[in-house]
Amino acid sequence: MVTVQNISKYDKTHPTAITIGTYDGVHVGHRKILERLINNAKKTGLRSTVLTFFPHPRMVLQKDADIKLLNTVNEKAQILEDIGLDTLIIHPFTKKFSRLSATEFVRDILVNELNIRKIIIGYDHRFGRNRNANINDLIAFGSTFDFEVEEIPAQEIDDVSVSSTKIRRALHEGDVKTANTYLGYEYMLTATVAKGKGLGKEIHFPTANLHIPESYKLIPKNGVYVVRADMGDNEVYGMMNIGYNPTVNGTQKSIEVHFFDFEADIYNQEIQVRVLERIRDEHKFDSLEALQQQLRKDRETSLAIINR
C-alpha cells in the first residue's frame, strides 16, 4: 500500500476507485464497504483509494480537543494495508480546505488531483462548504465529469455508525470483548516503552511503562487487562494496569504492562499491545504486600484466560 500525506502528492496517472471518510477503527462495518471498493478496483483496473483527513474535522471546526479516536494515523494505515487497500491519502484538514465549494472539491480534488473514475459513498454523505451538497449533487457531478457513483444504502451506513458508537462505549466501560467483536480484531495500543519508578520491580512484578504520544487515542477504562504483544518473532502475553497506582498514592495516570516469562530490555522501543480481556477494577490496597498478593491472583487469572 502507498500512503500519501497530501492530495497534491498523489500520482494522478493512476485512475482511482475511491471512498471518503474517517474510517476510525476500520471495524467490521467499515470492512464491508472497503471490500466492495477493493474488489471493484481489481475488476476494473483502478487503484482502490481511501481519502481521509487529519486532524479530525471536529478538532478543527469545533475545537473538539477532547475527541478520542480508536486508531492513531499509523494504526489505521497498518489495518488498511493488511486488508489489501492500494492507496491511503491522508490530507491535512484545515479551515481553508473546509471552505472549498462542492464544485471545487469535485473538480479540483477528485477529478484533477485524484483522477477519480468511481466513488463508493454513503447515501447521507455531505460535502463542500457548509456541507451543502449531497449524494444527488455528487451523482450530477459524476455525469458532468464522467465518474460513477455507487451509493451505500442506509442500512449499511447505520451499521457503521452503530458499530463505532458501541465500540467507544464498550471501551469506556471496559467491555473489551464487545469492542473486539465489533472491531474484528483485538484493540491495540501502540506505545514507546518509557522508564518508570521501578515499583513493579521492587515487588517482583516488573512493568513496561507505555507512553502513547497521541493524546487523541482512546484509552480503555481504568483497570487490569490481559494483553498480548509481538516481540520480534515471539508472541508474549501479560497483564496491563491502566490507572493511578492508588496504593502508592499515584497522581498521574499510567499504563503499565507486566509480561510473563519475558526479560529482554525494551526501553525506548515501540511496541504494540493487543487488549484481550478486562479482569478487574483498579483498587487501593492497604500495603504493598497486599498488592503483591493480588497481582499473583491476577497472573493466575490471566494465564487461565490465555490457556482457554
C-alpha atoms as a PDB file:
ATOM      1  CA  MET A   1       0.000   0.000   0.000  1.00  0.00           C
ATOM      2  CA  VAL A   2       1.123   3.527  -0.778  1.00  0.00           C
ATOM      3  CA  THR A   3       0.463   6.169   1.875  1.00  0.00           C
ATOM      4  CA  VAL A   4       0.279   9.741   0.593  1.00  0.00           C
ATOM      5  CA  GLN A   5       0.395  12.626   3.073  1.00  0.00           C
ATOM      6  CA  ASN A   6      -1.218  15.249   0.850  1.00  0.00           C
ATOM      7  CA  ILE A   7      -3.654  15.102  -2.066  1.00  0.00           C
ATOM      8  CA  SER A   8      -1.222  17.091  -4.221  1.00  0.00           C
ATOM      9  CA  LYS A   9       1.392  14.325  -3.889  1.00  0.00           C
ATOM     10  CA  TYR A  10      -0.778  11.603  -5.389  1.00  0.00           C
ATOM     11  CA  ASP A  11       0.470  10.214  -8.703  1.00  0.00           C
ATOM     12  CA  LYS A  12      -2.538  11.192 -10.826  1.00  0.00           C
ATOM     13  CA  THR A  13      -1.518   8.933 -13.702  1.00  0.00           C
ATOM     14  CA  HIS A  14      -3.241   6.143 -11.732  1.00  0.00           C
ATOM     15  CA  PRO A  15      -7.057   6.339 -12.043  1.00  0.00           C
ATOM     16  CA  THR A  16      -8.868   5.649  -8.768  1.00  0.00           C
ATOM     17  CA  ALA A  17     -11.879   3.995  -7.223  1.00  0.00           C
ATOM     18  CA  ILE A  18     -12.297   5.975  -4.039  1.00  0.00           C
ATOM     19  CA  THR A  19     -14.192   6.259  -0.789  1.00  0.00           C
ATOM     20  CA  ILE A  20     -14.028   9.148   1.656  1.00  0.00           C
ATOM     21  CA  GLY A  21     -14.302   9.159   5.430  1.00  0.00           C
ATOM     22  CA  THR A  22     -12.558   8.975   8.780  1.00  0.00           C
ATOM     23  CA  TYR A  23     -12.787   5.159   8.898  1.00  0.00           C
ATOM     24  CA  ASP A  24     -11.852   5.291  12.567  1.00  0.00           C
ATOM     25  CA  GLY A  25     -11.392   1.791  13.931  1.00  0.00           C
ATOM     26  CA  VAL A  26     -11.644   0.206  10.457  1.00  0.00           C
ATOM     27  CA  HIS A  27     -14.203  -2.100  12.081  1.00  0.00           C
ATOM     28  CA  VAL A  28     -16.373  -4.869  10.632  1.00  0.00           C
ATOM     29  CA  GLY A  29     -18.938  -2.368   9.296  1.00  0.00           C
ATOM     30  CA  HIS A  30     -16.236  -0.395   7.500  1.00  0.00           C
ATOM     31  CA  ARG A  31     -14.781  -3.568   6.024  1.00  0.00           C
ATOM     32  CA  LYS A  32     -17.926  -4.360   4.034  1.00  0.00           C
ATOM     33  CA  ILE A  33     -17.515  -1.031   2.253  1.00  0.00           C
ATOM     34  CA  LEU A  34     -13.754  -1.404   1.836  1.00  0.00           C
ATOM     35  CA  GLU A  35     -14.018  -4.954   0.480  1.00  0.00           C
ATOM     36  CA  ARG A  36     -16.539  -3.703  -2.081  1.00  0.00           C
ATOM     37  CA  LEU A  37     -14.119  -0.916  -3.034  1.00  0.00           C
ATOM     38  CA  ILE A  38     -11.083  -3.204  -3.298  1.00  0.00           C
ATOM     39  CA  ASN A  39     -12.894  -5.916  -5.281  1.00  0.00           C
ATOM     40  CA  ASN A  40     -14.362  -3.357  -7.684  1.00  0.00           C
ATOM     41  CA  ALA A  41     -10.980  -1.702  -8.215  1.00  0.00           C
ATOM     42  CA  LYS A  42      -9.358  -5.060  -9.028  1.00  0.00           C
ATOM     43  CA  LYS A  43     -12.035  -5.885 -11.609  1.00  0.00           C
ATOM     44  CA  THR A  44     -11.773  -2.507 -13.322  1.00  0.00           C
ATOM     45  CA  GLY A  45      -8.007  -1.939 -13.140  1.00  0.00           C
ATOM     46  CA  LEU A  46      -8.321   1.072 -10.811  1.00  0.00           C
ATOM     47  CA  ARG A  47      -6.409   1.858  -7.626  1.00  0.00           C
ATOM     48  CA  SER A  48      -8.536   1.291  -4.514  1.00  0.00           C
ATOM     49  CA  THR A  49      -8.140   4.520  -2.541  1.00  0.00           C
ATOM     50  CA  VAL A  50      -9.305   5.861   0.806  1.00  0.00           C
ATOM     51  CA  LEU A  51      -9.267   9.636   1.232  1.00  0.00           C
ATOM     52  CA  THR A  52      -9.198  10.543   4.902  1.00  0.00           C
ATOM     53  CA  PHE A  53      -8.239  13.626   6.866  1.00  0.00           C
ATOM     54  CA  PHE A  54      -6.067  14.554   9.823  1.00  0.00           C
ATOM     55  CA  PRO A  55      -6.600  16.324  12.130  1.00  0.00           C
ATOM     56  CA  HIS A  56     -10.150  15.029  12.505  1.00  0.00           C
ATOM     57  CA  PRO A  57     -12.507  17.727  11.125  1.00  0.00           C
ATOM     58  CA  ARG A  58     -14.133  18.129  14.547  1.00  0.00           C
ATOM     59  CA  MET A  59     -10.755  19.052  16.030  1.00  0.00           C
ATOM     60  CA  VAL A  60     -10.504  21.926  13.551  1.00  0.00           C
ATOM     61  CA  LEU A  61     -14.066  23.138  13.072  1.00  0.00           C
ATOM     62  CA  GLN A  62     -15.442  22.555  16.570  1.00  0.00           C
ATOM     63  CA  LYS A  63     -12.185  22.928  18.526  1.00  0.00           C
ATOM     64  CA  ASP A  64     -13.008  19.497  19.985  1.00  0.00           C
ATOM     65  CA  ALA A  65      -9.671  18.740  21.608  1.00  0.00           C
ATOM     66  CA  ASP A  66     -11.296  16.035  23.747  1.00  0.00           C
ATOM     67  CA  ILE A  67     -12.331  13.852  20.819  1.00  0.00           C
ATOM     68  CA  LYS A  68     -10.955  10.333  21.224  1.00  0.00           C
ATOM     69  CA  LEU A  69     -10.249   8.069  18.266  1.00  0.00           C
ATOM     70  CA  LEU A  70      -9.945   4.294  18.072  1.00  0.00           C
ATOM     71  CA  ASN A  71      -6.850   4.391  15.861  1.00  0.00           C
ATOM     72  CA  THR A  72      -3.794   6.556  15.553  1.00  0.00           C
ATOM     73  CA  VAL A  73      -2.937   7.538  11.978  1.00  0.00           C
ATOM     74  CA  ASN A  74      -0.282   4.806  11.785  1.00  0.00           C
ATOM     75  CA  GLU A  75      -2.563   2.135  13.243  1.00  0.00           C
ATOM     76  CA  LYS A  76      -5.238   2.942  10.667  1.00  0.00           C
ATOM     77  CA  ALA A  77      -2.667   2.701   7.864  1.00  0.00           C
ATOM     78  CA  GLN A  78      -1.478  -0.657   9.199  1.00  0.00           C
ATOM     79  CA  ILE A  79      -5.002  -2.116   9.203  1.00  0.00           C
ATOM     80  CA  LEU A  80      -5.863  -0.772   5.745  1.00  0.00           C
ATOM     81  CA  GLU A  81      -2.673  -2.208   4.317  1.00  0.00           C
ATOM     82  CA  ASP A  82      -3.456  -5.603   5.881  1.00  0.00           C
ATOM     83  CA  ILE A  83      -6.872  -5.767   4.175  1.00  0.00           C
ATOM     84  CA  GLY A  84      -5.373  -5.027   0.753  1.00  0.00           C
ATOM     85  CA  LEU A  85      -6.008  -1.336   0.034  1.00  0.00           C
ATOM     86  CA  ASP A  86      -3.830   0.161  -2.727  1.00  0.00           C
ATOM     87  CA  THR A  87      -3.607   3.803  -1.616  1.00  0.00           C
ATOM     88  CA  LEU A  88      -4.304   5.730   1.574  1.00  0.00           C
ATOM     89  CA  ILE A  89      -4.373   9.502   1.205  1.00  0.00           C
ATOM     90  CA  ILE A  90      -4.187  11.444   4.473  1.00  0.00           C
ATOM     91  CA  HIS A  91      -4.893  15.072   3.706  1.00  0.00           C
ATOM     92  CA  PRO A  92      -4.307  17.852   6.274  1.00  0.00           C
ATOM     93  CA  PHE A  93      -7.720  19.187   7.279  1.00  0.00           C
ATOM     94  CA  THR A  94      -7.794  22.960   7.647  1.00  0.00           C
ATOM     95  CA  LYS A  95     -10.445  25.679   7.771  1.00  0.00           C
ATOM     96  CA  LYS A  96      -9.340  26.774   4.305  1.00  0.00           C
ATOM     97  CA  PHE A  97      -9.887  23.262   2.954  1.00  0.00           C
ATOM     98  CA  SER A  98     -13.342  23.136   4.593  1.00  0.00           C
ATOM     99  CA  ARG A  99     -14.349  26.260   2.645  1.00  0.00           C
ATOM    100  CA  LEU A 100     -13.940  24.626  -0.768  1.00  0.00           C
ATOM    101  CA  SER A 101     -17.227  24.706  -2.649  1.00  0.00           C
ATOM    102  CA  ALA A 102     -18.751  21.412  -3.771  1.00  0.00           C
ATOM    103  CA  THR A 103     -17.711  22.169  -7.352  1.00  0.00           C
ATOM    104  CA  GLU A 104     -14.128  22.996  -6.325  1.00  0.00           C
ATOM    105  CA  PHE A 105     -13.888  19.823  -4.245  1.00  0.00           C
ATOM    106  CA  VAL A 106     -15.134  17.550  -7.014  1.00  0.00           C
ATOM    107  CA  ARG A 107     -13.433  19.259  -9.980  1.00  0.00           C
ATOM    108  CA  ASP A 108     -10.127  20.299  -8.416  1.00  0.00           C
ATOM    109  CA  ILE A 109      -9.608  17.494  -5.893  1.00  0.00           C
ATOM    110  CA  LEU A 110     -11.429  14.359  -7.002  1.00  0.00           C
ATOM    111  CA  VAL A 111     -11.159  14.787 -10.771  1.00  0.00           C
ATOM    112  CA  ASN A 112      -7.979  16.805 -11.390  1.00  0.00           C
ATOM    113  CA  GLU A 113      -5.814  15.588  -8.496  1.00  0.00           C
ATOM    114  CA  LEU A 114      -7.084  12.058  -7.820  1.00  0.00           C
ATOM    115  CA  ASN A 115      -8.181  11.019 -11.320  1.00  0.00           C
ATOM    116  CA  ILE A 116     -11.425   9.560  -9.980  1.00  0.00           C
ATOM    117  CA  ARG A 117     -13.336   7.022 -12.091  1.00  0.00           C
ATOM    118  CA  LYS A 118     -15.600   5.675  -9.356  1.00  0.00           C
ATOM    119  CA  ILE A 119     -16.658   6.701  -5.849  1.00  0.00           C
ATOM    120  CA  ILE A 120     -18.376   4.458  -3.304  1.00  0.00           C
ATOM    121  CA  ILE A 121     -20.056   6.665  -0.718  1.00  0.00           C
ATOM    122  CA  GLY A 122     -22.860   6.674   1.857  1.00  0.00           C
ATOM    123  CA  TYR A 123     -26.392   7.789   0.984  1.00  0.00           C
ATOM    124  CA  ASP A 124     -26.087  10.534   3.636  1.00  0.00           C
ATOM    125  CA  HIS A 125     -22.688  11.885   2.546  1.00  0.00           C
ATOM    126  CA  ARG A 126     -22.475  15.676   2.524  1.00  0.00           C
ATOM    127  CA  PHE A 127     -19.586  17.741   1.181  1.00  0.00           C
ATOM    128  CA  GLY A 128     -18.472  21.193   0.106  1.00  0.00           C
ATOM    129  CA  ARG A 129     -18.584  24.463   2.059  1.00  0.00           C
ATOM    130  CA  ASN A 130     -21.042  24.184   4.975  1.00  0.00           C
ATOM    131  CA  ARG A 131     -21.656  20.596   3.818  1.00  0.00           C
ATOM    132  CA  ASN A 132     -24.348  21.898   1.498  1.00  0.00           C
ATOM    133  CA  ALA A 133     -24.037  19.263  -1.262  1.00  0.00           C
ATOM    134  CA  ASN A 134     -25.445  15.739  -1.035  1.00  0.00           C
ATOM    135  CA  ILE A 135     -25.408  12.388  -2.835  1.00  0.00           C
ATOM    136  CA  ASN A 136     -27.721  13.667  -5.605  1.00  0.00           C
ATOM    137  CA  ASP A 137     -25.318  16.539  -6.287  1.00  0.00           C
ATOM    138  CA  LEU A 138     -22.459  14.048  -6.420  1.00  0.00           C
ATOM    139  CA  ILE A 139     -24.332  11.895  -8.957  1.00  0.00           C
ATOM    140  CA  ALA A 140     -24.874  15.012 -11.088  1.00  0.00           C
ATOM    141  CA  PHE A 141     -21.159  15.833 -10.854  1.00  0.00           C
ATOM    142  CA  GLY A 142     -20.441  12.241 -11.934  1.00  0.00           C
ATOM    143  CA  SER A 143     -22.411  12.787 -15.114  1.00  0.00           C
ATOM    144  CA  THR A 144     -20.569  16.051 -15.796  1.00  0.00           C
ATOM    145  CA  PHE A 145     -17.050  14.772 -15.076  1.00  0.00           C
ATOM    146  CA  ASP A 146     -17.530  11.153 -16.191  1.00  0.00           C
ATOM    147  CA  PHE A 147     -17.179   9.136 -12.990  1.00  0.00           C
ATOM    148  CA  GLU A 148     -19.501   6.545 -11.466  1.00  0.00           C
ATOM    149  CA  VAL A 149     -21.185   6.987  -8.077  1.00  0.00           C
ATOM    150  CA  GLU A 150     -22.127   3.877  -6.088  1.00  0.00           C
ATOM    151  CA  GLU A 151     -24.375   4.666  -3.156  1.00  0.00           C
ATOM    152  CA  ILE A 152     -24.026   2.727   0.102  1.00  0.00           C
ATOM    153  CA  PRO A 153     -27.562   2.108   1.399  1.00  0.00           C
ATOM    154  CA  ALA A 154     -28.948   3.366   4.709  1.00  0.00           C
ATOM    155  CA  GLN A 155     -28.780   0.004   6.483  1.00  0.00           C
ATOM    156  CA  GLU A 156     -25.043  -0.404   5.899  1.00  0.00           C
ATOM    157  CA  ILE A 157     -24.281   3.189   6.926  1.00  0.00           C
ATOM    158  CA  ASP A 158     -26.386   2.781  10.063  1.00  0.00           C
ATOM    159  CA  ASP A 159     -24.455  -0.411  10.878  1.00  0.00           C
ATOM    160  CA  VAL A 160     -21.184   1.521  10.611  1.00  0.00           C
ATOM    161  CA  SER A 161     -22.470   4.297  12.866  1.00  0.00           C
ATOM    162  CA  VAL A 162     -23.843   1.892  15.464  1.00  0.00           C
ATOM    163  CA  SER A 163     -20.627  -0.128  15.488  1.00  0.00           C
ATOM    164  CA  SER A 164     -18.430   2.944  16.087  1.00  0.00           C
ATOM    165  CA  THR A 165     -20.673   4.134  18.926  1.00  0.00           C
ATOM    166  CA  LYS A 166     -20.791   0.689  20.540  1.00  0.00           C
ATOM    167  CA  ILE A 167     -17.022   0.234  20.308  1.00  0.00           C
ATOM    168  CA  ARG A 168     -16.304   3.563  22.004  1.00  0.00           C
ATOM    169  CA  ARG A 169     -18.916   2.953  24.686  1.00  0.00           C
ATOM    170  CA  ALA A 170     -17.644  -0.580  25.313  1.00  0.00           C
ATOM    171  CA  LEU A 171     -14.039   0.600  25.744  1.00  0.00           C
ATOM    172  CA  HIS A 172     -15.116   3.412  28.067  1.00  0.00           C
ATOM    173  CA  GLU A 173     -16.903   0.752  30.139  1.00  0.00           C
ATOM    174  CA  GLY A 174     -14.016  -1.708  29.969  1.00  0.00           C
ATOM    175  CA  ASP A 175     -16.002  -4.205  27.894  1.00  0.00           C
ATOM    176  CA  VAL A 176     -13.142  -5.259  25.643  1.00  0.00           C
ATOM    177  CA  LYS A 177     -14.860  -8.422  24.430  1.00  0.00           C
ATOM    178  CA  THR A 178     -17.695  -6.432  22.871  1.00  0.00           C
ATOM    179  CA  ALA A 179     -15.291  -3.853  21.404  1.00  0.00           C
ATOM    180  CA  ASN A 180     -13.136  -6.557  19.838  1.00  0.00           C
ATOM    181  CA  THR A 181     -16.193  -8.290  18.360  1.00  0.00           C
ATOM    182  CA  TYR A 182     -17.271  -5.111  16.561  1.00  0.00           C
ATOM    183  CA  LEU A 183     -13.703  -4.242  15.549  1.00  0.00           C
ATOM    184  CA  GLY A 184     -12.998  -7.677  14.121  1.00  0.00           C
ATOM    185  CA  TYR A 185      -9.566  -7.588  15.755  1.00  0.00           C
ATOM    186  CA  GLU A 186      -8.085  -7.013  19.214  1.00  0.00           C
ATOM    187  CA  TYR A 187      -7.961  -3.366  20.275  1.00  0.00           C
ATOM    188  CA  MET A 188      -4.406  -2.080  20.008  1.00  0.00           C
ATOM    189  CA  LEU A 189      -2.268   0.394  21.915  1.00  0.00           C
ATOM    190  CA  THR A 190       0.919   1.467  20.121  1.00  0.00           C
ATOM    191  CA  ALA A 191       3.413   2.985  22.525  1.00  0.00           C
ATOM    192  CA  THR A 192       7.038   3.635  23.394  1.00  0.00           C
ATOM    193  CA  VAL A 193       8.362   1.889  26.492  1.00  0.00           C
ATOM    194  CA  ALA A 194       9.495   4.542  28.995  1.00  0.00           C
ATOM    195  CA  LYS A 195      11.331   4.403  32.306  1.00  0.00           C
ATOM    196  CA  GLY A 196       9.050   4.195  35.334  1.00  0.00           C
ATOM    197  CA  LYS A 197       9.598   4.465  39.079  1.00  0.00           C
ATOM    198  CA  GLY A 198      10.709   0.846  39.401  1.00  0.00           C
ATOM    199  CA  LEU A 199       7.974  -0.066  41.897  1.00  0.00           C
ATOM    200  CA  GLY A 200       6.933  -3.150  39.927  1.00  0.00           C
ATOM    201  CA  LYS A 201      10.465  -4.498  40.000  1.00  0.00           C
ATOM    202  CA  GLU A 202      10.604  -3.885  43.736  1.00  0.00           C
ATOM    203  CA  ILE A 203       7.623  -6.183  44.320  1.00  0.00           C
ATOM    204  CA  HIS A 204       8.803  -8.757  41.708  1.00  0.00           C
ATOM    205  CA  PHE A 205       6.335  -7.663  39.030  1.00  0.00           C
ATOM    206  CA  PRO A 206       8.489  -5.519  36.704  1.00  0.00           C
ATOM    207  CA  THR A 207       6.473  -3.496  34.234  1.00  0.00           C
ATOM    208  CA  ALA A 208       6.939  -1.782  30.906  1.00  0.00           C
ATOM    209  CA  ASN A 209       5.564   1.752  31.159  1.00  0.00           C
ATOM    210  CA  LEU A 210       3.754   2.661  27.947  1.00  0.00           C
ATOM    211  CA  HIS A 211       3.921   6.195  26.601  1.00  0.00           C
ATOM    212  CA  ILE A 212       1.328   6.976  23.923  1.00  0.00           C
ATOM    213  CA  PRO A 213       2.153  10.377  22.382  1.00  0.00           C
ATOM    214  CA  GLU A 214      -1.190  10.764  20.584  1.00  0.00           C
ATOM    215  CA  SER A 215      -3.457  12.476  23.100  1.00  0.00           C
ATOM    216  CA  TYR A 216      -6.477  11.718  20.900  1.00  0.00           C
ATOM    217  CA  LYS A 217      -6.079   7.922  21.243  1.00  0.00           C
ATOM    218  CA  LEU A 218      -8.942   6.337  23.201  1.00  0.00           C
ATOM    219  CA  ILE A 219      -7.645   4.562  26.310  1.00  0.00           C
ATOM    220  CA  PRO A 220      -9.936   1.892  27.803  1.00  0.00           C
ATOM    221  CA  LYS A 221     -11.440   2.242  31.278  1.00  0.00           C
ATOM    222  CA  ASN A 222      -9.033   2.083  34.226  1.00  0.00           C
ATOM    223  CA  GLY A 223      -8.400  -1.437  35.449  1.00  0.00           C
ATOM    224  CA  VAL A 224      -6.412  -4.618  34.866  1.00  0.00           C
ATOM    225  CA  TYR A 225      -6.392  -6.331  31.461  1.00  0.00           C
ATOM    226  CA  VAL A 226      -4.962  -9.433  29.818  1.00  0.00           C
ATOM    227  CA  VAL A 227      -2.794  -8.425  26.836  1.00  0.00           C
ATOM    228  CA  ARG A 228      -0.603  -9.791  24.073  1.00  0.00           C
ATOM    229  CA  ALA A 229       2.317  -8.276  22.175  1.00  0.00           C
ATOM    230  CA  ASP A 230       4.576  -9.379  19.343  1.00  0.00           C
ATOM    231  CA  MET A 231       8.226  -9.058  20.333  1.00  0.00           C
ATOM    232  CA  GLY A 232      10.180  -9.813  17.197  1.00  0.00           C
ATOM    233  CA  ASP A 233       9.289 -13.400  16.301  1.00  0.00           C
ATOM    234  CA  ASN A 234       7.815 -14.108  19.734  1.00  0.00           C
ATOM    235  CA  GLU A 235       4.237 -13.698  20.956  1.00  0.00           C
ATOM    236  CA  VAL A 236       4.338 -12.517  24.561  1.00  0.00           C
ATOM    237  CA  TYR A 237       1.396 -12.347  26.961  1.00  0.00           C
ATOM    238  CA  GLY A 238       0.999 -10.269  30.075  1.00  0.00           C
ATOM    239  CA  MET A 239      -1.304  -8.186  32.244  1.00  0.00           C
ATOM    240  CA  MET A 240      -1.750  -4.444  31.981  1.00  0.00           C
ATOM    241  CA  ASN A 241      -2.850  -1.871  34.529  1.00  0.00           C
ATOM    242  CA  ILE A 242      -4.418   1.414  33.446  1.00  0.00           C
ATOM    243  CA  GLY A 243      -4.835   3.896  36.257  1.00  0.00           C
ATOM    244  CA  TYR A 244      -3.228   5.941  39.007  1.00  0.00           C
ATOM    245  CA  ASN A 245      -1.487   3.369  41.248  1.00  0.00           C
ATOM    246  CA  PRO A 246      -3.588   4.412  44.276  1.00  0.00           C
ATOM    247  CA  THR A 247      -1.774   2.017  46.642  1.00  0.00           C
ATOM    248  CA  VAL A 248       1.279   4.309  46.440  1.00  0.00           C
ATOM    249  CA  ASN A 249      -0.821   7.492  46.170  1.00  0.00           C
ATOM    250  CA  GLY A 250      -0.107   7.971  42.486  1.00  0.00           C
ATOM    251  CA  THR A 251      -1.360  11.214  40.956  1.00  0.00           C
ATOM    252  CA  GLN A 252      -0.668  10.672  37.239  1.00  0.00           C
ATOM    253  CA  LYS A 253      -2.418   8.179  35.015  1.00  0.00           C
ATOM    254  CA  SER A 254      -0.151   5.448  33.703  1.00  0.00           C
ATOM    255  CA  ILE A 255      -0.330   2.362  31.506  1.00  0.00           C
ATOM    256  CA  GLU A 256       1.934  -0.447  32.700  1.00  0.00           C
ATOM    257  CA  VAL A 257       2.363  -3.984  31.391  1.00  0.00           C
ATOM    258  CA  HIS A 258       3.884  -6.922  33.220  1.00  0.00           C
ATOM    259  CA  PHE A 259       4.889  -9.508  30.598  1.00  0.00           C
ATOM    260  CA  PHE A 260       5.023 -13.172  31.582  1.00  0.00           C
ATOM    261  CA  ASP A 261       8.311 -15.044  31.094  1.00  0.00           C
ATOM    262  CA  PHE A 262       9.942 -12.133  29.322  1.00  0.00           C
ATOM    263  CA  GLU A 263      13.107 -10.363  30.455  1.00  0.00           C
ATOM    264  CA  ALA A 264      14.523  -8.532  27.418  1.00  0.00           C
ATOM    265  CA  ASP A 265      15.392  -4.836  27.671  1.00  0.00           C
ATOM    266  CA  ILE A 266      12.756  -2.988  25.618  1.00  0.00           C
ATOM    267  CA  TYR A 267      13.216   0.561  26.940  1.00  0.00           C
ATOM    268  CA  ASN A 268      12.726   3.218  24.258  1.00  0.00           C
ATOM    269  CA  GLN A 269      11.329   0.618  21.836  1.00  0.00           C
ATOM    270  CA  GLU A 270       7.942   0.971  20.179  1.00  0.00           C
ATOM    271  CA  ILE A 271       5.630  -1.941  20.906  1.00  0.00           C
ATOM    272  CA  GLN A 272       2.025  -2.718  20.065  1.00  0.00           C
ATOM    273  CA  VAL A 273      -0.098  -4.207  22.813  1.00  0.00           C
ATOM    274  CA  ARG A 274      -3.324  -6.032  21.957  1.00  0.00           C
ATOM    275  CA  VAL A 275      -6.003  -5.860  24.662  1.00  0.00           C
ATOM    276  CA  LEU A 276      -7.719  -9.240  25.126  1.00  0.00           C
ATOM    277  CA  GLU A 277      -9.906  -9.071  28.231  1.00  0.00           C
ATOM    278  CA  ARG A 278     -10.527  -6.997  31.371  1.00  0.00           C
ATOM    279  CA  ILE A 279     -10.250  -8.838  34.679  1.00  0.00           C
ATOM    280  CA  ARG A 280     -10.887  -6.254  37.404  1.00  0.00           C
ATOM    281  CA  ASP A 281     -11.061  -2.627  38.536  1.00  0.00           C
ATOM    282  CA  GLU A 282      -8.041  -0.811  39.906  1.00  0.00           C
ATOM    283  CA  HIS A 283      -8.063  -0.858  43.737  1.00  0.00           C
ATOM    284  CA  LYS A 284      -6.174   0.807  46.543  1.00  0.00           C
ATOM    285  CA  PHE A 285      -4.611  -1.833  48.775  1.00  0.00           C
ATOM    286  CA  ASP A 286      -3.592  -1.430  52.407  1.00  0.00           C
ATOM    287  CA  SER A 287       0.036  -2.340  51.726  1.00  0.00           C
ATOM    288  CA  LEU A 288       2.479  -3.313  49.002  1.00  0.00           C
ATOM    289  CA  GLU A 289       2.268  -6.880  50.312  1.00  0.00           C
ATOM    290  CA  ALA A 290      -1.487  -6.906  49.734  1.00  0.00           C
ATOM    291  CA  LEU A 291      -0.960  -5.513  46.239  1.00  0.00           C
ATOM    292  CA  GLN A 292       1.657  -8.163  45.523  1.00  0.00           C
ATOM    293  CA  GLN A 293      -0.734 -10.889  46.673  1.00  0.00           C
ATOM    294  CA  GLN A 294      -3.444  -9.555  44.348  1.00  0.00           C
ATOM    295  CA  LEU A 295      -1.006  -9.419  41.444  1.00  0.00           C
ATOM    296  CA  ARG A 296      -0.277 -13.115  41.943  1.00  0.00           C
ATOM    297  CA  LYS A 297      -4.010 -13.806  41.686  1.00  0.00           C
ATOM    298  CA  ASP A 298      -4.212 -11.587  38.588  1.00  0.00           C
ATOM    299  CA  ARG A 299      -1.415 -13.567  36.984  1.00  0.00           C
ATOM    300  CA  GLU A 300      -3.246 -16.855  37.650  1.00  0.00           C
ATOM    301  CA  THR A 301      -6.473 -15.412  36.238  1.00  0.00           C
ATOM    302  CA  SER A 302      -4.653 -14.075  33.177  1.00  0.00           C
ATOM    303  CA  LEU A 303      -2.898 -17.372  32.465  1.00  0.00           C
ATOM    304  CA  ALA A 304      -6.196 -19.240  32.759  1.00  0.00           C
ATOM    305  CA  ILE A 305      -7.761 -16.880  30.204  1.00  0.00           C
ATOM    306  CA  ILE A 306      -4.762 -17.217  27.871  1.00  0.00           C
ATOM    307  CA  ASN A 307      -4.791 -21.021  28.117  1.00  0.00           C
ATOM    308  CA  ARG A 308      -8.525 -21.061  27.466  1.00  0.00           C
END
